[in-house]
């Protein structure tokens, strides 16, 4: 367990990279990339669904859009569970 604040890294000493948007992007680069992937996939599916004229293709694209939504929700849920487990482990480690 850390006994003093001096044992923890000082945010002011770490520079401008930890402040504002740059720090947020550095800490969350992978989740941002995953969210961008799902956003692009969903937009492409919706756009393709509007463009096609065949009813069969429209049904297949609708299924693809719904699977994209379901996978995005499951990915977000799994990411939340991983973050929760990480926080519990970090807190448990701080108590030792």
N, C-alpha and C. Protein backbone atom coordinates (compact mmCIF):
# COMPACT_ATOMS: atom_id res chain seq x y z
N UNK A 1 0.84 -1.17 0.00
CA UNK A 1 0.00 0.00 0.00
C UNK A 1 0.89 1.24 0.00
N UNK A 2 0.51 2.21 -0.77
CA UNK A 2 1.27 3.45 -0.82
C UNK A 2 0.94 4.29 0.41
N UNK A 3 1.98 4.72 1.09
CA UNK A 3 1.76 5.45 2.32
C UNK A 3 1.79 6.96 2.13
N UNK A 4 2.49 7.41 1.11
CA UNK A 4 2.66 8.85 0.93
C UNK A 4 2.28 9.24 -0.49
N UNK A 5 1.85 10.48 -0.63
CA UNK A 5 1.52 10.99 -1.97
C UNK A 5 2.75 11.08 -2.85
N UNK A 6 3.93 11.17 -2.26
CA UNK A 6 5.16 11.28 -3.03
C UNK A 6 5.45 9.98 -3.79
N UNK A 7 4.86 8.86 -3.35
CA UNK A 7 5.06 7.59 -4.04
C UNK A 7 4.28 7.53 -5.35
N UNK A 8 3.28 8.35 -5.48
CA UNK A 8 2.46 8.35 -6.69
C UNK A 8 3.03 9.33 -7.70
N UNK A 9 2.90 9.02 -9.00
CA UNK A 9 3.40 9.96 -10.00
C UNK A 9 2.61 11.26 -9.98
N UNK A 10 3.31 12.34 -10.15
CA UNK A 10 2.70 13.66 -10.12
C UNK A 10 2.19 14.01 -11.51
N UNK A 11 0.93 14.35 -11.60
CA UNK A 11 0.37 14.69 -12.91
C UNK A 11 0.99 15.95 -13.50
N UNK A 12 1.31 16.92 -12.68
CA UNK A 12 1.90 18.15 -13.20
C UNK A 12 3.29 17.89 -13.76
N UNK A 13 4.01 16.95 -13.19
CA UNK A 13 5.36 16.66 -13.64
C UNK A 13 5.38 15.83 -14.91
N UNK A 14 4.28 15.16 -15.24
CA UNK A 14 4.29 14.28 -16.40
C UNK A 14 4.08 15.03 -17.71
N UNK A 15 3.80 16.29 -17.67
CA UNK A 15 3.73 17.08 -18.88
C UNK A 15 2.32 17.29 -19.38
N UNK A 16 2.23 17.88 -20.56
CA UNK A 16 0.94 18.25 -21.12
C UNK A 16 0.19 17.07 -21.73
N UNK A 17 0.88 15.95 -21.92
CA UNK A 17 0.23 14.80 -22.56
C UNK A 17 -0.87 14.19 -21.69
N UNK A 18 -0.82 14.40 -20.39
CA UNK A 18 -1.84 13.83 -19.52
C UNK A 18 -3.00 14.77 -19.29
N UNK A 19 -2.97 15.94 -19.85
CA UNK A 19 -4.05 16.89 -19.63
C UNK A 19 -4.93 17.00 -20.87
N UNK A 20 -6.19 17.16 -20.64
CA UNK A 20 -7.13 17.44 -21.73
C UNK A 20 -7.36 16.28 -22.66
N UNK A 21 -7.60 16.61 -23.90
CA UNK A 21 -7.97 15.62 -24.91
C UNK A 21 -6.84 14.66 -25.22
N UNK A 22 -5.61 15.15 -25.25
CA UNK A 22 -4.47 14.28 -25.56
C UNK A 22 -4.33 13.15 -24.55
N UNK A 23 -4.49 13.47 -23.29
CA UNK A 23 -4.40 12.44 -22.26
C UNK A 23 -5.52 11.44 -22.37
N UNK A 24 -6.73 11.92 -22.68
CA UNK A 24 -7.88 11.02 -22.84
C UNK A 24 -7.66 10.06 -24.00
N UNK A 25 -7.16 10.59 -25.12
CA UNK A 25 -6.93 9.76 -26.30
C UNK A 25 -5.82 8.76 -26.03
N UNK A 26 -4.77 9.16 -25.33
CA UNK A 26 -3.67 8.24 -25.02
C UNK A 26 -4.14 7.11 -24.10
N UNK A 27 -4.95 7.44 -23.12
CA UNK A 27 -5.43 6.41 -22.17
C UNK A 27 -6.45 5.48 -22.81
N UNK A 28 -7.22 5.96 -23.76
CA UNK A 28 -8.32 5.18 -24.32
C UNK A 28 -8.19 4.96 -25.83
N UNK A 29 -6.98 4.77 -26.32
CA UNK A 29 -6.81 4.66 -27.77
C UNK A 29 -7.47 3.41 -28.34
N UNK A 30 -7.34 2.27 -27.65
CA UNK A 30 -7.95 1.04 -28.18
C UNK A 30 -9.48 1.11 -28.18
N UNK A 31 -10.13 1.53 -27.09
CA UNK A 31 -11.60 1.63 -27.15
C UNK A 31 -12.09 2.62 -28.21
N UNK A 32 -11.34 3.68 -28.43
CA UNK A 32 -11.73 4.64 -29.46
C UNK A 32 -11.65 4.01 -30.84
N UNK A 33 -10.59 3.21 -31.08
CA UNK A 33 -10.46 2.52 -32.36
C UNK A 33 -11.57 1.51 -32.57
N UNK A 34 -11.94 0.79 -31.52
CA UNK A 34 -13.02 -0.19 -31.62
C UNK A 34 -14.34 0.52 -31.90
N UNK A 35 -14.61 1.62 -31.20
CA UNK A 35 -15.84 2.38 -31.44
C UNK A 35 -15.88 2.94 -32.86
N UNK A 36 -14.74 3.41 -33.36
CA UNK A 36 -14.69 3.93 -34.73
C UNK A 36 -14.95 2.81 -35.74
N UNK A 37 -14.40 1.62 -35.48
CA UNK A 37 -14.65 0.48 -36.37
C UNK A 37 -16.14 0.16 -36.44
N UNK A 38 -16.78 0.06 -35.27
CA UNK A 38 -18.22 -0.26 -35.27
C UNK A 38 -19.04 0.86 -35.90
N UNK A 39 -18.65 2.10 -35.70
CA UNK A 39 -19.37 3.22 -36.31
C UNK A 39 -19.27 3.16 -37.83
N UNK A 40 -18.08 2.88 -38.34
CA UNK A 40 -17.90 2.80 -39.79
C UNK A 40 -18.66 1.59 -40.36
N UNK A 41 -18.58 0.45 -39.67
CA UNK A 41 -19.28 -0.75 -40.14
C UNK A 41 -20.79 -0.52 -40.14
N UNK A 42 -21.31 0.11 -39.10
CA UNK A 42 -22.74 0.38 -39.02
C UNK A 42 -23.18 1.38 -40.10
N UNK A 43 -22.40 2.42 -40.29
CA UNK A 43 -22.73 3.40 -41.32
C UNK A 43 -22.68 2.79 -42.71
N UNK A 44 -21.69 1.94 -42.96
CA UNK A 44 -21.60 1.28 -44.27
C UNK A 44 -22.79 0.35 -44.49
N UNK A 45 -23.20 -0.37 -43.46
CA UNK A 45 -24.34 -1.26 -43.58
C UNK A 45 -25.63 -0.52 -43.85
N UNK A 46 -25.85 0.57 -43.13
CA UNK A 46 -27.07 1.36 -43.32
C UNK A 46 -27.07 2.01 -44.69
N UNK A 47 -25.92 2.54 -45.11
CA UNK A 47 -25.83 3.17 -46.43
C UNK A 47 -26.05 2.13 -47.54
N UNK A 48 -25.42 0.97 -47.40
CA UNK A 48 -25.60 -0.07 -48.41
C UNK A 48 -27.04 -0.54 -48.46
N UNK A 49 -27.70 -0.60 -47.32
CA UNK A 49 -29.11 -1.03 -47.28
C UNK A 49 -30.00 -0.04 -48.02
N UNK A 50 -29.66 1.23 -47.96
CA UNK A 50 -30.47 2.24 -48.66
C UNK A 50 -30.23 2.21 -50.17
N UNK A 51 -29.05 1.73 -50.57
CA UNK A 51 -28.68 1.77 -51.99
C UNK A 51 -29.21 0.56 -52.77
N UNK A 52 -29.24 -0.62 -52.12
CA UNK A 52 -29.61 -1.83 -52.85
C UNK A 52 -31.09 -1.80 -53.25
N UNK A 53 -31.39 -2.52 -54.33
CA UNK A 53 -32.76 -2.57 -54.81
C UNK A 53 -33.39 -3.94 -54.61
N UNK A 54 -32.58 -4.95 -54.48
CA UNK A 54 -33.09 -6.32 -54.31
C UNK A 54 -33.59 -6.53 -52.88
N UNK A 55 -34.79 -7.09 -52.72
CA UNK A 55 -35.30 -7.35 -51.38
C UNK A 55 -34.45 -8.36 -50.61
N UNK A 56 -33.87 -9.34 -51.31
CA UNK A 56 -33.02 -10.32 -50.64
C UNK A 56 -31.75 -9.67 -50.08
N UNK A 57 -31.15 -8.80 -50.87
CA UNK A 57 -29.95 -8.10 -50.40
C UNK A 57 -30.28 -7.16 -49.24
N UNK A 58 -31.46 -6.56 -49.31
CA UNK A 58 -31.87 -5.67 -48.22
C UNK A 58 -32.05 -6.44 -46.91
N UNK A 59 -32.61 -7.63 -46.99
CA UNK A 59 -32.78 -8.47 -45.80
C UNK A 59 -31.42 -8.88 -45.24
N UNK A 60 -30.52 -9.30 -46.11
CA UNK A 60 -29.18 -9.70 -45.66
C UNK A 60 -28.43 -8.53 -45.02
N UNK A 61 -28.56 -7.35 -45.59
CA UNK A 61 -27.90 -6.18 -45.01
C UNK A 61 -28.56 -5.78 -43.69
N UNK A 62 -29.87 -5.96 -43.58
CA UNK A 62 -30.53 -5.69 -42.30
C UNK A 62 -30.02 -6.61 -41.22
N UNK A 63 -29.84 -7.88 -41.56
CA UNK A 63 -29.28 -8.84 -40.61
C UNK A 63 -27.86 -8.44 -40.23
N UNK A 64 -27.08 -8.01 -41.21
CA UNK A 64 -25.70 -7.58 -40.93
C UNK A 64 -25.67 -6.36 -40.00
N UNK A 65 -26.60 -5.42 -40.21
CA UNK A 65 -26.66 -4.24 -39.34
C UNK A 65 -27.02 -4.65 -37.92
N UNK A 66 -27.99 -5.55 -37.77
CA UNK A 66 -28.37 -5.98 -36.42
C UNK A 66 -27.24 -6.74 -35.74
N UNK A 67 -26.52 -7.57 -36.48
CA UNK A 67 -25.38 -8.26 -35.88
C UNK A 67 -24.29 -7.27 -35.47
N UNK A 68 -24.10 -6.22 -36.25
CA UNK A 68 -23.13 -5.19 -35.88
C UNK A 68 -23.53 -4.52 -34.57
N UNK A 69 -24.81 -4.21 -34.43
CA UNK A 69 -25.30 -3.60 -33.20
C UNK A 69 -25.12 -4.55 -32.01
N UNK A 70 -25.47 -5.83 -32.22
CA UNK A 70 -25.33 -6.81 -31.14
C UNK A 70 -23.87 -6.98 -30.75
N UNK A 71 -22.96 -7.11 -31.73
CA UNK A 71 -21.53 -7.26 -31.42
C UNK A 71 -20.97 -6.03 -30.74
N UNK A 72 -21.42 -4.84 -31.15
CA UNK A 72 -20.95 -3.62 -30.49
C UNK A 72 -21.40 -3.58 -29.04
N UNK A 73 -22.65 -3.97 -28.78
CA UNK A 73 -23.14 -3.99 -27.40
C UNK A 73 -22.38 -5.01 -26.56
N UNK A 74 -22.14 -6.19 -27.11
CA UNK A 74 -21.39 -7.22 -26.37
C UNK A 74 -19.95 -6.79 -26.13
N UNK A 75 -19.35 -6.12 -27.09
CA UNK A 75 -17.98 -5.62 -26.92
C UNK A 75 -17.93 -4.57 -25.82
N UNK A 76 -18.91 -3.68 -25.80
CA UNK A 76 -18.96 -2.66 -24.74
C UNK A 76 -19.16 -3.29 -23.38
N UNK A 77 -20.03 -4.29 -23.30
CA UNK A 77 -20.26 -4.99 -22.04
C UNK A 77 -19.00 -5.72 -21.57
N UNK A 78 -18.33 -6.40 -22.48
CA UNK A 78 -17.09 -7.10 -22.13
C UNK A 78 -16.01 -6.10 -21.70
N UNK A 79 -15.92 -4.97 -22.38
CA UNK A 79 -14.96 -3.94 -21.99
C UNK A 79 -15.25 -3.40 -20.60
N UNK A 80 -16.52 -3.23 -20.28
CA UNK A 80 -16.89 -2.78 -18.94
C UNK A 80 -16.52 -3.80 -17.87
N UNK A 81 -16.72 -5.08 -18.17
CA UNK A 81 -16.35 -6.13 -17.22
C UNK A 81 -14.84 -6.16 -17.01
N UNK A 82 -14.08 -6.02 -18.09
CA UNK A 82 -12.62 -6.01 -17.97
C UNK A 82 -12.16 -4.82 -17.14
N UNK A 83 -12.72 -3.65 -17.36
CA UNK A 83 -12.36 -2.47 -16.58
C UNK A 83 -12.73 -2.65 -15.11
N UNK A 84 -13.88 -3.26 -14.84
CA UNK A 84 -14.31 -3.50 -13.47
C UNK A 84 -13.36 -4.47 -12.76
N UNK A 85 -12.99 -5.55 -13.42
CA UNK A 85 -12.05 -6.51 -12.84
C UNK A 85 -10.70 -5.85 -12.60
N UNK A 86 -10.26 -5.02 -13.54
CA UNK A 86 -9.00 -4.30 -13.38
C UNK A 86 -9.05 -3.38 -12.16
N UNK A 87 -10.16 -2.66 -11.99
CA UNK A 87 -10.29 -1.75 -10.85
C UNK A 87 -10.32 -2.52 -9.53
N UNK A 88 -11.00 -3.66 -9.51
CA UNK A 88 -11.05 -4.47 -8.29
C UNK A 88 -9.67 -5.00 -7.95
N UNK A 89 -8.94 -5.47 -8.94
CA UNK A 89 -7.58 -5.97 -8.69
C UNK A 89 -6.66 -4.86 -8.22
N UNK A 90 -6.78 -3.68 -8.83
CA UNK A 90 -5.94 -2.55 -8.42
C UNK A 90 -6.25 -2.15 -6.98
N UNK A 91 -7.53 -2.14 -6.64
CA UNK A 91 -7.92 -1.78 -5.27
C UNK A 91 -7.47 -2.83 -4.28
N UNK A 92 -7.57 -4.10 -4.64
CA UNK A 92 -7.11 -5.18 -3.78
C UNK A 92 -5.60 -5.10 -3.58
N UNK A 93 -4.88 -4.76 -4.65
CA UNK A 93 -3.43 -4.66 -4.57
C UNK A 93 -3.03 -3.47 -3.68
N UNK A 94 -3.79 -2.39 -3.71
CA UNK A 94 -3.49 -1.22 -2.87
C UNK A 94 -3.68 -1.54 -1.39
N UNK A 95 -4.57 -2.47 -1.07
CA UNK A 95 -4.80 -2.81 0.34
C UNK A 95 -3.69 -3.70 0.91
N UNK A 96 -2.93 -4.35 0.05
CA UNK A 96 -1.86 -5.25 0.54
C UNK A 96 -0.65 -4.50 1.00
